[in-house]
Amino acid sequence: MVYDLADQGGELCSLRYDLTVPFARYVAMNGLTSFKRYQIAKVYRRYNPSKGRYREFYQCDLDIAGQYEKMGPDFEIVKILTELLDELQIGDYEMLFIAI
């Protein structure tokens, strides 16, 4: 989604505040049956952020849409996360998953 607004000089600006909603819209409007993608982009919060949260920040989305082998996308996400954390060399880490 995009917010349109005018800056202090009256020039029209657009701010993207989410990456997932446009992705879901794209998949639905184009009848895609399977699609994977990642995106990193600057996004914005529309509301006044609470203490410790920023109005402007970078969001990293990793999306998998469509029909795949049962639990396949879940395992793929975990694999990507562990590869990323290993590459960052942050030291030992523990993944905690909570079933919703």
N, C-alpha and C. Protein backbone atom coordinates (compact mmCIF):
# COMPACT_ATOMS: atom_id res chain seq x y z
N MET A 1 0.83 -1.17 0.00
CA MET A 1 0.00 0.00 0.00
C MET A 1 0.88 1.24 0.00
N VAL A 2 0.33 2.31 -0.48
CA VAL A 2 1.06 3.55 -0.58
C VAL A 2 0.21 4.68 -0.01
N TYR A 3 0.85 5.56 0.74
CA TYR A 3 0.18 6.76 1.22
C TYR A 3 0.64 7.93 0.39
N ASP A 4 -0.28 8.73 -0.08
CA ASP A 4 0.05 9.96 -0.79
C ASP A 4 -0.14 11.13 0.16
N LEU A 5 0.82 12.05 0.14
CA LEU A 5 0.73 13.22 1.00
C LEU A 5 1.58 14.33 0.39
N ALA A 6 1.42 15.50 0.92
CA ALA A 6 2.20 16.65 0.44
C ALA A 6 3.25 16.98 1.49
N ASP A 7 4.46 17.32 1.01
CA ASP A 7 5.50 17.72 1.95
C ASP A 7 5.31 19.18 2.33
N GLN A 8 6.24 19.73 3.08
CA GLN A 8 6.10 21.10 3.58
C GLN A 8 6.05 22.13 2.45
N GLY A 9 6.63 21.80 1.29
CA GLY A 9 6.59 22.71 0.15
C GLY A 9 5.40 22.48 -0.76
N GLY A 10 4.52 21.53 -0.39
CA GLY A 10 3.33 21.25 -1.18
C GLY A 10 3.55 20.20 -2.27
N GLU A 11 4.78 19.66 -2.37
CA GLU A 11 5.06 18.64 -3.38
C GLU A 11 4.46 17.31 -2.94
N LEU A 12 3.79 16.63 -3.88
CA LEU A 12 3.18 15.35 -3.56
C LEU A 12 4.24 14.27 -3.40
N CYS A 13 4.10 13.49 -2.36
CA CYS A 13 5.03 12.40 -2.06
C CYS A 13 4.21 11.14 -1.82
N SER A 14 4.83 9.99 -2.02
CA SER A 14 4.19 8.71 -1.73
C SER A 14 5.08 7.92 -0.81
N LEU A 15 4.49 7.31 0.19
CA LEU A 15 5.22 6.49 1.16
C LEU A 15 4.64 5.08 1.16
N ARG A 16 5.47 4.11 0.97
CA ARG A 16 5.03 2.71 1.05
C ARG A 16 5.11 2.28 2.50
N TYR A 17 4.04 1.69 3.03
CA TYR A 17 4.08 1.30 4.44
C TYR A 17 4.06 -0.19 4.65
N ASP A 18 3.94 -0.98 3.62
CA ASP A 18 3.88 -2.42 3.82
C ASP A 18 4.32 -3.12 2.55
N LEU A 19 4.96 -4.25 2.68
CA LEU A 19 5.38 -5.02 1.51
C LEU A 19 4.46 -6.21 1.24
N THR A 20 3.83 -6.75 2.27
CA THR A 20 3.04 -7.98 2.12
C THR A 20 1.74 -7.76 1.38
N VAL A 21 1.02 -6.69 1.68
CA VAL A 21 -0.27 -6.45 1.05
C VAL A 21 -0.15 -6.30 -0.47
N PRO A 22 0.81 -5.50 -0.97
CA PRO A 22 0.95 -5.42 -2.44
C PRO A 22 1.33 -6.76 -3.07
N PHE A 23 2.12 -7.56 -2.37
CA PHE A 23 2.48 -8.89 -2.87
C PHE A 23 1.23 -9.77 -2.99
N ALA A 24 0.41 -9.80 -1.96
CA ALA A 24 -0.81 -10.60 -1.98
C ALA A 24 -1.74 -10.14 -3.09
N ARG A 25 -1.85 -8.83 -3.28
CA ARG A 25 -2.70 -8.29 -4.35
C ARG A 25 -2.16 -8.72 -5.71
N TYR A 26 -0.85 -8.66 -5.91
CA TYR A 26 -0.23 -9.06 -7.18
C TYR A 26 -0.50 -10.53 -7.49
N VAL A 27 -0.33 -11.40 -6.50
CA VAL A 27 -0.58 -12.84 -6.69
C VAL A 27 -2.04 -13.07 -7.06
N ALA A 28 -2.95 -12.43 -6.34
CA ALA A 28 -4.38 -12.63 -6.58
C ALA A 28 -4.82 -12.08 -7.94
N MET A 29 -4.34 -10.90 -8.30
CA MET A 29 -4.78 -10.28 -9.55
C MET A 29 -4.20 -10.97 -10.79
N ASN A 30 -3.10 -11.69 -10.62
CA ASN A 30 -2.46 -12.34 -11.77
C ASN A 30 -2.68 -13.84 -11.79
N GLY A 31 -3.51 -14.35 -10.89
CA GLY A 31 -3.86 -15.77 -10.88
C GLY A 31 -2.68 -16.70 -10.72
N LEU A 32 -1.67 -16.28 -9.98
CA LEU A 32 -0.49 -17.12 -9.80
C LEU A 32 -0.79 -18.28 -8.87
N THR A 33 -0.33 -19.46 -9.23
CA THR A 33 -0.57 -20.65 -8.40
C THR A 33 0.62 -20.99 -7.52
N SER A 34 1.78 -20.48 -7.84
CA SER A 34 2.95 -20.64 -6.98
C SER A 34 3.92 -19.49 -7.27
N PHE A 35 4.42 -18.91 -6.21
CA PHE A 35 5.28 -17.75 -6.37
C PHE A 35 6.11 -17.58 -5.10
N LYS A 36 7.41 -17.34 -5.28
CA LYS A 36 8.30 -17.08 -4.16
C LYS A 36 9.05 -15.79 -4.46
N ARG A 37 9.29 -15.01 -3.41
CA ARG A 37 10.05 -13.79 -3.62
C ARG A 37 10.54 -13.25 -2.28
N TYR A 38 11.57 -12.41 -2.37
CA TYR A 38 12.01 -11.67 -1.21
C TYR A 38 12.15 -10.22 -1.63
N GLN A 39 12.01 -9.33 -0.67
CA GLN A 39 12.12 -7.91 -0.95
C GLN A 39 12.57 -7.19 0.31
N ILE A 40 13.47 -6.27 0.12
CA ILE A 40 13.91 -5.40 1.21
C ILE A 40 13.67 -3.97 0.73
N ALA A 41 12.92 -3.21 1.51
CA ALA A 41 12.61 -1.84 1.09
C ALA A 41 12.31 -0.97 2.30
N LYS A 42 12.45 0.33 2.12
CA LYS A 42 12.12 1.28 3.17
C LYS A 42 10.59 1.40 3.23
N VAL A 43 10.06 1.33 4.42
CA VAL A 43 8.61 1.45 4.63
C VAL A 43 8.36 2.44 5.77
N TYR A 44 7.09 2.80 5.95
CA TYR A 44 6.72 3.83 6.92
C TYR A 44 5.49 3.40 7.71
N ARG A 45 5.47 3.80 8.96
CA ARG A 45 4.26 3.59 9.78
C ARG A 45 3.38 4.83 9.62
N ARG A 46 2.10 4.60 9.45
CA ARG A 46 1.18 5.73 9.28
C ARG A 46 0.86 6.39 10.62
N TYR A 47 0.68 5.58 11.63
CA TYR A 47 0.31 6.10 12.94
C TYR A 47 1.56 6.60 13.68
N ASN A 48 1.35 7.27 14.79
CA ASN A 48 2.48 7.72 15.61
C ASN A 48 3.06 6.52 16.33
N PRO A 49 4.31 6.17 16.04
CA PRO A 49 4.89 4.98 16.65
C PRO A 49 5.10 5.15 18.16
N SER A 50 4.96 4.06 18.88
CA SER A 50 5.19 4.09 20.32
C SER A 50 6.68 4.15 20.61
N LYS A 51 7.04 4.34 21.84
CA LYS A 51 8.44 4.48 22.26
C LYS A 51 9.25 3.27 21.78
N GLY A 52 10.39 3.56 21.18
CA GLY A 52 11.27 2.49 20.72
C GLY A 52 10.97 1.99 19.31
N ARG A 53 9.94 2.53 18.69
CA ARG A 53 9.59 2.14 17.32
C ARG A 53 9.78 3.35 16.41
N TYR A 54 10.11 3.09 15.17
CA TYR A 54 10.39 4.17 14.23
C TYR A 54 9.27 4.33 13.20
N ARG A 55 9.08 5.53 12.74
CA ARG A 55 8.10 5.79 11.67
C ARG A 55 8.66 5.29 10.34
N GLU A 56 9.95 5.44 10.13
CA GLU A 56 10.60 5.02 8.89
C GLU A 56 11.59 3.91 9.21
N PHE A 57 11.54 2.79 8.47
CA PHE A 57 12.44 1.67 8.73
C PHE A 57 12.51 0.78 7.50
N TYR A 58 13.42 -0.16 7.51
CA TYR A 58 13.53 -1.13 6.43
C TYR A 58 12.82 -2.41 6.83
N GLN A 59 12.08 -2.96 5.91
CA GLN A 59 11.36 -4.21 6.13
C GLN A 59 11.90 -5.24 5.15
N CYS A 60 12.14 -6.42 5.64
CA CYS A 60 12.57 -7.53 4.79
C CYS A 60 11.43 -8.55 4.76
N ASP A 61 10.91 -8.82 3.59
CA ASP A 61 9.82 -9.78 3.41
C ASP A 61 10.33 -10.98 2.65
N LEU A 62 9.97 -12.13 3.11
CA LEU A 62 10.23 -13.39 2.42
C LEU A 62 8.87 -14.06 2.31
N ASP A 63 8.35 -14.14 1.09
CA ASP A 63 6.99 -14.62 0.88
C ASP A 63 6.97 -15.85 -0.02
N ILE A 64 6.11 -16.79 0.35
CA ILE A 64 5.86 -17.97 -0.46
C ILE A 64 4.34 -18.11 -0.56
N ALA A 65 3.83 -18.11 -1.77
CA ALA A 65 2.39 -18.22 -1.98
C ALA A 65 2.11 -19.36 -2.95
N GLY A 66 1.04 -20.08 -2.72
CA GLY A 66 0.65 -21.14 -3.64
C GLY A 66 0.56 -22.49 -2.95
N GLN A 67 0.51 -23.52 -3.75
CA GLN A 67 0.38 -24.88 -3.23
C GLN A 67 1.72 -25.60 -3.37
N TYR A 68 2.22 -26.08 -2.26
CA TYR A 68 3.49 -26.78 -2.20
C TYR A 68 3.32 -28.02 -1.33
N GLU A 69 4.36 -28.81 -1.28
CA GLU A 69 4.36 -29.99 -0.41
C GLU A 69 4.09 -29.54 1.03
N LYS A 70 3.32 -30.33 1.76
CA LYS A 70 2.96 -29.97 3.12
C LYS A 70 4.20 -29.67 3.95
N MET A 71 4.22 -28.55 4.61
CA MET A 71 5.30 -28.05 5.46
C MET A 71 6.55 -27.64 4.68
N GLY A 72 6.55 -27.80 3.36
CA GLY A 72 7.70 -27.44 2.54
C GLY A 72 8.12 -25.98 2.69
N PRO A 73 7.19 -25.04 2.52
CA PRO A 73 7.55 -23.62 2.69
C PRO A 73 8.05 -23.30 4.10
N ASP A 74 7.48 -23.95 5.11
CA ASP A 74 7.92 -23.71 6.48
C ASP A 74 9.39 -24.11 6.65
N PHE A 75 9.74 -25.27 6.13
CA PHE A 75 11.13 -25.71 6.22
C PHE A 75 12.06 -24.80 5.42
N GLU A 76 11.58 -24.33 4.29
CA GLU A 76 12.39 -23.45 3.45
C GLU A 76 12.69 -22.13 4.17
N ILE A 77 11.72 -21.59 4.86
CA ILE A 77 11.90 -20.35 5.61
C ILE A 77 12.92 -20.56 6.73
N VAL A 78 12.80 -21.66 7.47
CA VAL A 78 13.74 -21.95 8.54
C VAL A 78 15.15 -22.10 7.98
N LYS A 79 15.27 -22.78 6.85
CA LYS A 79 16.58 -22.97 6.22
C LYS A 79 17.20 -21.63 5.83
N ILE A 80 16.40 -20.76 5.24
CA ILE A 80 16.90 -19.43 4.84
C ILE A 80 17.33 -18.63 6.07
N LEU A 81 16.53 -18.67 7.13
CA LEU A 81 16.87 -17.93 8.35
C LEU A 81 18.17 -18.43 8.96
N THR A 82 18.35 -19.75 9.03
CA THR A 82 19.58 -20.28 9.62
C THR A 82 20.79 -19.95 8.74
N GLU A 83 20.63 -20.00 7.42
CA GLU A 83 21.73 -19.62 6.53
C GLU A 83 22.10 -18.15 6.71
N LEU A 84 21.09 -17.31 6.85
CA LEU A 84 21.33 -15.88 7.06
C LEU A 84 22.06 -15.63 8.37
N LEU A 85 21.58 -16.23 9.45
CA LEU A 85 22.21 -16.04 10.75
C LEU A 85 23.64 -16.58 10.76
N ASP A 86 23.87 -17.72 10.10
CA ASP A 86 25.23 -18.26 10.00
C ASP A 86 26.14 -17.31 9.23
N GLU A 87 25.63 -16.74 8.13
CA GLU A 87 26.41 -15.83 7.30
C GLU A 87 26.77 -14.55 8.06
N LEU A 88 25.86 -14.10 8.92
CA LEU A 88 26.12 -12.90 9.71
C LEU A 88 27.14 -13.13 10.82
N GLN A 89 27.42 -14.38 11.12
CA GLN A 89 28.40 -14.77 12.14
C GLN A 89 28.15 -14.04 13.46
N ILE A 90 26.94 -14.13 13.94
CA ILE A 90 26.59 -13.47 15.20
C ILE A 90 26.90 -14.33 16.41
N GLY A 91 27.40 -15.53 16.19
CA GLY A 91 27.68 -16.44 17.29
C GLY A 91 26.54 -17.45 17.44
N ASP A 92 26.51 -18.08 18.59
CA ASP A 92 25.47 -19.09 18.83
C ASP A 92 24.10 -18.43 18.92
N TYR A 93 23.13 -19.10 18.41
CA TYR A 93 21.75 -18.63 18.49
C TYR A 93 20.84 -19.83 18.64
N GLU A 94 19.64 -19.56 19.07
CA GLU A 94 18.64 -20.61 19.24
C GLU A 94 17.35 -20.13 18.61
N MET A 95 16.75 -20.97 17.80
CA MET A 95 15.48 -20.62 17.17
C MET A 95 14.36 -21.11 18.06
N LEU A 96 13.40 -20.26 18.29
CA LEU A 96 12.23 -20.61 19.10
C LEU A 96 11.00 -20.45 18.23
N PHE A 97 10.24 -21.50 18.11
CA PHE A 97 9.03 -21.45 17.30
C PHE A 97 7.83 -21.71 18.18
N ILE A 98 6.82 -20.92 17.97
CA ILE A 98 5.60 -21.05 18.74
C ILE A 98 4.46 -21.36 17.78
N ALA A 99 3.77 -22.45 18.01
CA ALA A 99 2.63 -22.80 17.16
C ALA A 99 1.47 -21.86 17.45
N ILE A 100 0.86 -21.38 16.39
CA ILE A 100 -0.26 -20.45 16.55
C ILE A 100 -1.54 -21.19 16.23
